[in-house]
Amino acid sequence: MKDYWKEEEPISKRVNKKKIMTAIIIGLAIIFITAITITYQTNKAARNWIDRFIFRKEVMQDKVTTIELKEDQNTSIYAFNKYIGVLNKNQFTIYGNTGNEEKKLEIQISNPIFNSENRYLAIAEKKGKKLYLITDKDISWEAATEGNIAQIHVNKNGYVAVVITDTINKTVVVMYNPEGKEIFKTYLSSTRTADVAISNDDKYLAIAEVDTSGTIIQSNIKIISIEKASNDPTNSIEHTYQGEPDKLITNIKYQDNNKLICMYTDSIHVIEKNEDSILANNENKKIIFQSIELTNHAINIEEKSTGLFTADSIVNIINVDNKGIKEYTVDAVEKDIYTYGNMIALNLGTEIEFINTNGWLVKRYIANQEITDIVLSESMAGIIYRDSIEIINL
């Protein structure tokens, strides 16, 4: 008979050693990754070591892909989208990121000016009449203007604005749609055009004007409705913004949500919802470079002395949306900068540091000789020498 009064022995639970070991390993991995991340963010020496030996961000000149050039030929080079284009004797040769020739186009231009956005590349003859729009690797359309071309601009959807001089009027700005159809012309009789920009939604054309006829310089920005101008160009101005007296405007660029970034020689402004506000002020700072040719960001570079004969370059990367600033410090004085999309190239002489708008190093290129010129897109860069182009994939 079963003894109901007998105390039952407790059932021992088996310990799953495999699960415990897995949890310990995961926990240690999280701690290790967290420690490495904090060290990478806060310790510059450790970050440089990790960038060089772990992430392999350092690239030597003799280890990169090369496009050979003939020294006796007059070539014009430009990076756009995923390609590098070389224009020589009316032949525009397009190379991919492996250095292989992918296409040749007949372009009747000898002294080009370039502008690109997204898939589109606009090419025009400087002080000439011919212009082309290339989409990816093909010519979408070509046209000839009346007067001499001074500037060209294309937005991310393929709309093109061309600034023409030496006509009856002082300056003419012509707009084309992505199919090459002329939409309208607008005339400036007493001012010169510093820059033009087309909004990302194709609704507005901004024209930065400079009037030097008086005793002081006057910079103005006109915002033109493209829809209104296509029907009545004389009554298409939506707003006119007058800069402070004696402030010289040099560049404008539309960002998302129709924010217009305006670069003056001593400051950077943003026009949003019909209000003009300062994004960066160079007063009491030794600003050696600044640029607004970025996606939703602007930068200025301040030189700060660190000794009798030494100085650092502080790259201030300004977010247009929230006006937050991220800093990137270089232990040298910049020779030049190049910007496109979310990429910034800092020329240090025999080195180039490629950083993104988050303030992190993407790639460091080390050369055996002085670097004098670079072409840059968001995915690649070309280091230009007399007889070659070194390709850096970013």
Protein backbone atom coordinates (compact mmCIF):
# COMPACT_ATOMS: atom_id res chain seq x y z
CA MET A 1 0.00 0.00 0.00
CA LYS A 2 1.25 3.47 -0.93
CA ASP A 3 2.35 5.50 2.04
CA TYR A 4 0.60 8.85 1.61
CA TRP A 5 2.24 10.23 4.71
CA LYS A 6 5.71 9.72 3.36
CA GLU A 7 7.26 13.07 2.38
CA GLU A 8 8.02 13.19 -1.34
CA GLU A 9 11.56 14.03 -2.36
CA PRO A 10 11.84 17.39 -4.13
CA ILE A 11 12.31 17.15 -7.87
CA SER A 12 15.66 18.66 -8.76
CA LYS A 13 15.66 21.03 -11.72
CA ARG A 14 18.31 20.45 -14.29
CA VAL A 15 20.51 23.45 -14.99
CA ASN A 16 20.81 24.22 -18.72
CA LYS A 17 24.51 24.92 -18.89
CA LYS A 18 24.35 25.65 -22.61
CA LYS A 19 21.85 28.50 -22.14
CA ILE A 20 23.86 29.96 -19.26
CA MET A 21 27.06 29.90 -21.30
CA THR A 22 25.26 31.52 -24.25
CA ALA A 23 23.88 34.28 -22.01
CA ILE A 24 27.32 34.90 -20.49
CA ILE A 25 28.95 35.10 -23.94
CA ILE A 26 26.28 37.50 -25.20
CA GLY A 27 26.63 39.65 -22.08
CA LEU A 28 30.42 39.80 -22.42
CA ALA A 29 30.10 40.61 -26.10
CA ILE A 30 27.73 43.51 -25.34
CA ILE A 31 30.10 44.82 -22.67
CA PHE A 32 33.07 44.49 -25.05
CA ILE A 33 31.28 46.23 -27.95
CA THR A 34 30.07 49.01 -25.64
CA ALA A 35 33.60 49.54 -24.29
CA ILE A 36 35.08 49.60 -27.79
CA THR A 37 32.39 52.04 -28.98
CA ILE A 38 32.99 54.42 -26.07
CA THR A 39 36.76 54.20 -26.57
CA TYR A 40 36.37 54.82 -30.32
CA GLN A 41 34.24 57.89 -29.71
CA THR A 42 36.30 59.45 -26.92
CA ASN A 43 39.93 58.40 -27.47
CA LYS A 44 41.45 59.90 -30.64
CA ALA A 45 44.61 57.76 -30.58
CA ALA A 46 42.56 54.57 -30.16
CA ARG A 47 40.18 55.68 -32.90
CA ASN A 48 43.06 56.25 -35.33
CA TRP A 49 44.46 52.79 -34.54
CA ILE A 50 41.06 51.12 -35.02
CA ASP A 51 40.43 53.04 -38.26
CA ARG A 52 43.78 51.96 -39.63
CA PHE A 53 44.14 48.35 -38.51
CA ILE A 54 40.58 47.13 -37.89
CA PHE A 55 38.38 49.07 -40.32
CA ARG A 56 41.18 49.43 -42.91
CA LYS A 57 40.22 53.02 -43.69
CA GLU A 58 43.75 54.03 -44.65
CA VAL A 59 44.55 53.73 -48.37
CA MET A 60 48.01 54.18 -49.90
CA GLN A 61 48.52 55.69 -53.35
CA ASP A 62 50.17 52.59 -54.81
CA LYS A 63 47.23 50.38 -53.72
CA VAL A 64 44.38 52.10 -55.58
CA THR A 65 42.82 51.70 -59.01
CA THR A 66 44.22 54.08 -61.64
CA ILE A 67 42.90 55.65 -64.84
CA GLU A 68 45.80 56.53 -67.11
CA LEU A 69 45.89 59.96 -68.81
CA LYS A 70 48.04 61.23 -71.65
CA GLU A 71 50.15 64.11 -70.40
CA ASP A 72 50.02 66.13 -73.61
CA GLN A 73 46.21 66.17 -73.77
CA ASN A 74 44.00 68.92 -72.36
CA THR A 75 41.43 67.00 -70.30
CA SER A 76 38.55 68.07 -68.05
CA ILE A 77 37.56 65.63 -65.30
CA TYR A 78 34.39 65.41 -63.21
CA ALA A 79 32.90 62.90 -60.76
CA PHE A 80 29.15 62.31 -60.85
CA ASN A 81 26.79 59.65 -59.52
CA LYS A 82 28.82 56.38 -59.64
CA TYR A 83 31.22 57.49 -62.37
CA ILE A 84 34.19 59.63 -63.32
CA GLY A 85 33.99 61.40 -66.67
CA VAL A 86 36.97 62.57 -68.72
CA LEU A 87 36.34 65.09 -71.50
CA ASN A 88 39.01 65.35 -74.18
CA LYS A 89 38.71 66.47 -77.80
CA ASN A 90 34.89 66.33 -77.72
CA GLN A 91 34.95 62.76 -76.35
CA PHE A 92 33.42 62.28 -72.90
CA THR A 93 34.68 58.94 -71.57
CA ILE A 94 32.81 57.52 -68.58
CA TYR A 95 34.64 55.21 -66.14
CA GLY A 96 33.17 53.05 -63.37
CA ASN A 97 34.53 52.63 -59.85
CA THR A 98 36.85 49.82 -61.00
CA GLY A 99 38.55 52.09 -63.53
CA ASN A 100 37.02 50.35 -66.53
CA GLU A 101 35.74 52.40 -69.45
CA GLU A 102 31.96 52.05 -69.60
CA LYS A 103 30.84 54.47 -72.32
CA LYS A 104 31.93 57.23 -74.69
CA LEU A 105 29.74 60.18 -75.62
CA GLU A 106 30.21 62.83 -78.29
CA ILE A 107 30.14 66.19 -76.51
CA GLN A 108 30.86 69.28 -78.64
CA ILE A 109 32.41 71.26 -75.79
CA SER A 110 36.04 72.23 -75.21
CA ASN A 111 35.89 74.47 -72.12
CA PRO A 112 33.26 72.84 -69.89
CA ILE A 113 31.45 73.82 -66.74
CA PHE A 114 29.77 70.97 -64.87
CA ASN A 115 26.98 70.57 -62.36
CA SER A 116 25.41 67.33 -61.14
CA GLU A 117 22.71 66.06 -58.82
CA ASN A 118 21.43 62.53 -58.34
CA ARG A 119 21.47 60.75 -61.75
CA TYR A 120 21.87 63.96 -63.75
CA LEU A 121 24.94 65.73 -65.09
CA ALA A 122 24.69 69.09 -66.87
CA ILE A 123 27.60 70.21 -69.06
CA ALA A 124 27.89 73.58 -70.79
CA GLU A 125 30.48 75.48 -72.79
CA LYS A 126 31.83 78.27 -70.60
CA LYS A 127 31.36 81.57 -72.45
CA GLY A 128 29.85 79.52 -75.26
CA LYS A 129 26.39 78.40 -76.39
CA LYS A 130 26.18 74.58 -76.17
CA LEU A 131 24.76 72.62 -73.24
CA TYR A 132 23.92 68.98 -72.56
CA LEU A 133 22.03 66.97 -69.97
CA ILE A 134 23.32 63.46 -69.28
CA THR A 135 21.16 60.98 -67.39
CA ASP A 136 23.18 58.10 -65.94
CA LYS A 137 25.45 57.38 -68.96
CA ASP A 138 23.33 58.70 -71.82
CA ILE A 139 22.69 62.10 -73.38
CA SER A 140 19.08 63.09 -72.65
CA TRP A 141 19.14 66.29 -74.67
CA GLU A 142 21.32 69.08 -75.99
CA ALA A 143 20.58 72.71 -76.79
CA ALA A 144 22.15 75.96 -77.95
CA THR A 145 21.60 79.34 -76.28
CA GLU A 146 21.58 82.95 -77.41
CA GLY A 147 24.46 84.67 -75.66
CA ASN A 148 27.29 83.22 -73.62
CA ILE A 149 26.80 80.69 -70.82
CA ALA A 150 28.19 81.76 -67.44
CA GLN A 151 26.65 79.15 -65.08
CA ILE A 152 24.59 75.98 -65.19
CA HIS A 153 22.60 74.21 -62.48
CA VAL A 154 20.61 70.94 -62.40
CA ASN A 155 18.38 69.69 -59.59
CA LYS A 156 17.81 66.08 -58.53
CA ASN A 157 14.86 65.66 -60.89
CA GLY A 158 16.63 66.90 -64.01
CA TYR A 159 15.40 70.52 -64.22
CA VAL A 160 18.14 72.79 -65.57
CA ALA A 161 18.79 76.53 -65.11
CA VAL A 162 21.31 78.31 -67.33
CA VAL A 163 22.73 81.78 -66.67
CA ILE A 164 23.50 83.65 -69.91
CA THR A 165 25.43 86.92 -70.25
CA ASP A 166 26.43 89.29 -73.07
CA THR A 167 22.90 89.82 -74.32
CA ILE A 168 20.80 93.00 -74.61
CA ASN A 169 19.96 92.50 -70.92
CA LYS A 170 22.79 92.20 -68.42
CA THR A 171 21.84 88.61 -67.51
CA VAL A 172 19.25 86.08 -68.68
CA VAL A 173 18.29 82.94 -66.74
CA VAL A 174 16.72 80.16 -68.84
CA MET A 175 14.84 77.18 -67.35
CA TYR A 176 14.53 73.77 -69.03
CA ASN A 177 12.46 70.76 -68.00
CA PRO A 178 14.00 67.23 -67.84
CA GLU A 179 13.04 66.64 -71.50
CA GLY A 180 14.96 69.71 -72.66
CA LYS A 181 11.96 71.93 -73.33
CA GLU A 182 12.50 75.59 -72.49
CA ILE A 183 9.99 76.59 -69.78
CA PHE A 184 10.73 80.29 -69.45
CA LYS A 185 13.32 83.08 -69.44
CA THR A 186 13.79 85.72 -66.77
CA TYR A 187 15.78 88.91 -67.32
CA LEU A 188 18.05 90.89 -64.99
CA SER A 189 18.91 94.28 -66.38
CA SER A 190 21.01 95.93 -63.68
CA THR A 191 22.55 93.19 -61.55
CA ARG A 192 24.85 90.22 -62.03
CA THR A 193 23.94 86.70 -60.98
CA ALA A 194 26.06 85.15 -58.22
CA ASP A 195 24.27 81.78 -58.25
CA VAL A 196 21.01 79.98 -59.04
CA ALA A 197 19.24 77.02 -57.41
CA ILE A 198 16.15 74.93 -58.16
CA SER A 199 14.10 73.49 -55.28
CA ASN A 200 13.92 69.73 -54.80
CA ASP A 201 10.17 69.73 -55.49
CA ASP A 202 10.65 71.65 -58.79
CA LYS A 203 8.44 74.52 -57.62
CA TYR A 204 10.92 77.37 -57.18
CA LEU A 205 13.92 78.94 -58.86
CA ALA A 206 16.12 81.06 -56.58
CA ILE A 207 18.43 83.70 -58.06
CA ALA A 208 21.17 85.35 -56.00
CA GLU A 209 21.92 88.80 -57.40
CA VAL A 210 24.68 91.28 -56.65
CA ASP A 211 24.30 94.99 -57.39
CA THR A 212 27.61 96.86 -57.50
CA SER A 213 26.34 100.01 -59.18
CA GLY A 214 26.15 101.99 -55.93
CA THR A 215 28.75 102.95 -53.34
CA ILE A 216 28.16 99.69 -51.40
CA ILE A 217 27.50 96.13 -52.48
CA GLN A 218 23.88 94.99 -52.28
CA SER A 219 23.01 91.28 -52.40
CA ASN A 220 19.44 90.15 -53.05
CA ILE A 221 17.70 86.80 -53.51
CA LYS A 222 14.67 86.42 -55.73
CA ILE A 223 12.38 83.40 -55.38
CA ILE A 224 10.49 82.69 -58.62
CA SER A 225 7.49 80.36 -58.93
CA ILE A 226 8.30 78.01 -61.82
CA GLU A 227 4.60 77.34 -62.44
CA LYS A 228 3.76 81.06 -62.63
CA ALA A 229 6.84 81.83 -64.73
CA SER A 230 5.89 79.20 -67.31
CA ASN A 231 2.74 81.27 -68.01
CA ASP A 232 3.82 84.82 -67.15
CA PRO A 233 7.55 85.31 -66.37
CA THR A 234 7.13 89.02 -65.55
CA ASN A 235 4.73 88.31 -62.65
CA SER A 236 6.29 85.22 -61.14
CA ILE A 237 8.37 86.54 -58.23
CA GLU A 238 7.14 85.06 -54.96
CA HIS A 239 9.56 86.80 -52.58
CA THR A 240 12.62 89.03 -52.64
CA TYR A 241 15.09 88.94 -49.75
CA GLN A 242 17.47 91.84 -49.31
CA GLY A 243 20.81 91.07 -47.72
CA GLU A 244 22.51 93.40 -45.29
CA PRO A 245 24.39 96.26 -46.97
CA ASP A 246 27.94 95.41 -48.05
CA LYS A 247 27.45 91.65 -47.57
CA LEU A 248 28.54 89.70 -50.67
CA ILE A 249 26.56 86.55 -51.46
CA THR A 250 28.54 83.82 -53.23
CA ASN A 251 26.43 80.66 -53.29
CA ILE A 252 22.89 79.36 -52.70
CA LYS A 253 21.49 75.82 -52.45
CA TYR A 254 18.06 74.35 -51.82
CA GLN A 255 17.77 71.64 -49.18
CA ASP A 256 14.77 69.49 -48.22
CA ASN A 257 11.46 71.18 -47.34
CA ASN A 258 12.38 74.19 -49.51
CA LYS A 259 15.01 75.47 -47.11
CA LEU A 260 17.32 77.78 -49.04
CA ILE A 261 20.88 77.99 -47.72
CA CYS A 262 22.67 81.24 -48.58
CA MET A 263 26.42 81.61 -48.24
CA TYR A 264 27.96 85.05 -47.85
CA THR A 265 31.66 85.74 -47.51
CA ASP A 266 31.29 86.18 -43.74
CA SER A 267 28.26 84.04 -42.77
CA ILE A 268 25.78 81.34 -43.77
CA HIS A 269 22.02 81.99 -43.63
CA VAL A 270 18.92 79.85 -44.10
CA ILE A 271 15.65 81.09 -45.60
CA GLU A 272 12.68 79.05 -44.40
CA LYS A 273 8.98 79.91 -44.44
CA ASN A 274 9.76 83.43 -45.65
CA GLU A 275 12.17 84.10 -42.76
CA ASP A 276 15.91 84.68 -43.02
CA SER A 277 18.02 83.47 -40.06
CA ILE A 278 21.75 83.03 -39.44
CA LEU A 279 23.05 79.47 -39.55
CA ALA A 280 26.74 80.33 -38.99
CA ASN A 281 28.50 83.60 -38.21
CA ASN A 282 32.20 83.99 -38.98
CA GLU A 283 32.65 87.09 -36.83
CA ASN A 284 35.74 86.96 -34.58
CA LYS A 285 36.76 83.60 -36.08
CA LYS A 286 39.51 82.69 -38.51
CA ILE A 287 37.36 80.83 -41.04
CA ILE A 288 39.51 79.49 -43.86
CA PHE A 289 36.82 77.57 -45.79
CA GLN A 290 33.06 77.18 -45.86
CA SER A 291 30.61 75.26 -48.07
CA ILE A 292 26.89 74.64 -48.45
CA GLU A 293 27.24 72.01 -51.21
CA LEU A 294 26.02 69.21 -48.95
CA THR A 295 22.75 67.40 -48.25
CA ASN A 296 20.91 69.23 -45.43
CA HIS A 297 24.21 70.41 -43.96
CA ALA A 298 26.69 73.28 -44.21
CA ILE A 299 30.27 73.48 -42.98
CA ASN A 300 32.88 76.01 -42.05
CA ILE A 301 36.49 75.33 -41.11
CA GLU A 302 38.15 77.39 -38.42
CA GLU A 303 41.90 77.61 -37.99
CA LYS A 304 43.00 77.55 -34.34
CA SER A 305 46.58 78.13 -33.25
CA THR A 306 48.14 75.38 -31.10
CA GLY A 307 51.65 76.77 -30.92
CA LEU A 308 54.08 79.27 -32.37
CA PHE A 309 54.14 77.58 -35.80
CA THR A 310 51.33 75.02 -35.52
CA ALA A 311 47.56 75.11 -35.87
CA ASP A 312 44.56 72.78 -36.01
CA SER A 313 41.63 72.90 -38.40
CA ILE A 314 38.22 72.59 -36.72
CA VAL A 315 35.55 71.38 -39.14
CA ASN A 316 32.13 72.54 -37.94
CA ILE A 317 29.39 70.45 -39.57
CA ILE A 318 26.06 72.25 -39.15
CA ASN A 319 22.74 70.43 -39.42
CA VAL A 320 20.31 72.66 -41.32
CA ASP A 321 17.22 71.11 -39.67
CA ASN A 322 18.13 71.49 -35.98
CA LYS A 323 21.21 73.76 -36.27
CA GLY A 324 23.22 71.24 -34.25
CA ILE A 325 27.00 71.26 -34.79
CA LYS A 326 29.38 68.32 -34.95
CA GLU A 327 33.11 68.94 -34.82
CA TYR A 328 35.93 67.11 -36.54
CA THR A 329 39.49 68.17 -35.71
CA VAL A 330 42.50 67.85 -38.00
CA ASP A 331 46.04 68.38 -36.66
CA ALA A 332 47.01 70.53 -39.63
CA VAL A 333 45.87 73.49 -41.70
CA GLU A 334 43.64 72.58 -44.63
CA LYS A 335 44.92 73.23 -48.16
CA ASP A 336 41.47 72.90 -49.73
CA ILE A 337 38.06 71.26 -49.25
CA TYR A 338 35.61 69.47 -51.56
CA THR A 339 32.00 68.68 -50.69
CA TYR A 340 29.18 66.71 -52.24
CA GLY A 341 26.07 65.04 -50.80
CA ASN A 342 27.05 63.70 -47.38
CA MET A 343 30.78 63.60 -48.13
CA ILE A 344 33.54 66.08 -47.24
CA ALA A 345 37.12 65.77 -48.55
CA LEU A 346 39.85 67.58 -46.62
CA ASN A 347 43.07 68.16 -48.55
CA LEU A 348 46.06 68.21 -46.19
CA GLY A 349 48.75 68.32 -48.87
CA THR A 350 49.90 64.71 -49.26
CA GLU A 351 46.88 63.29 -47.45
CA ILE A 352 43.13 63.51 -47.90
CA GLU A 353 40.67 62.72 -45.15
CA PHE A 354 37.18 61.85 -46.34
CA ILE A 355 34.59 62.40 -43.62
CA ASN A 356 30.80 62.26 -43.62
CA THR A 357 28.29 64.78 -42.29
CA ASN A 358 28.05 62.74 -39.06
CA GLY A 359 31.64 63.78 -38.36
CA TRP A 360 33.26 60.35 -38.81
CA LEU A 361 36.24 59.38 -40.92
CA VAL A 362 35.24 57.34 -43.98
CA LYS A 363 38.61 56.97 -45.68
CA ARG A 364 42.14 58.39 -45.45
CA TYR A 365 44.21 58.56 -48.65
CA ILE A 366 48.00 58.90 -48.34
CA ALA A 367 49.94 60.00 -51.41
CA ASN A 368 53.62 60.06 -52.36
CA GLN A 369 53.34 63.59 -53.74
CA GLU A 370 51.45 66.86 -53.31
CA ILE A 371 47.73 66.60 -54.10
CA THR A 372 46.47 69.54 -56.14
CA ASP A 373 43.01 68.58 -57.39
CA ILE A 374 40.14 66.23 -56.50
CA VAL A 375 36.78 65.39 -58.03
CA LEU A 376 34.15 64.09 -55.63
CA SER A 377 30.76 62.39 -55.69
CA GLU A 378 28.94 60.69 -52.82
CA SER A 379 30.26 57.22 -53.63
CA MET A 380 33.72 57.85 -55.09
CA ALA A 381 36.53 60.35 -55.53
CA GLY A 382 39.19 60.89 -58.15
CA ILE A 383 42.64 62.18 -57.16
CA ILE A 384 43.93 63.99 -60.24
CA TYR A 385 47.57 63.94 -61.24
CA ARG A 386 49.21 65.04 -64.47
CA ASP A 387 49.15 61.55 -66.01
CA SER A 388 46.55 59.64 -63.98
CA ILE A 389 43.41 59.62 -61.84
CA GLU A 390 43.50 57.59 -58.63
CA ILE A 391 40.04 56.18 -57.77
CA ILE A 392 38.91 56.06 -54.14
CA ASN A 393 35.67 54.19 -53.41
CA LEU A 394 33.88 55.71 -50.42
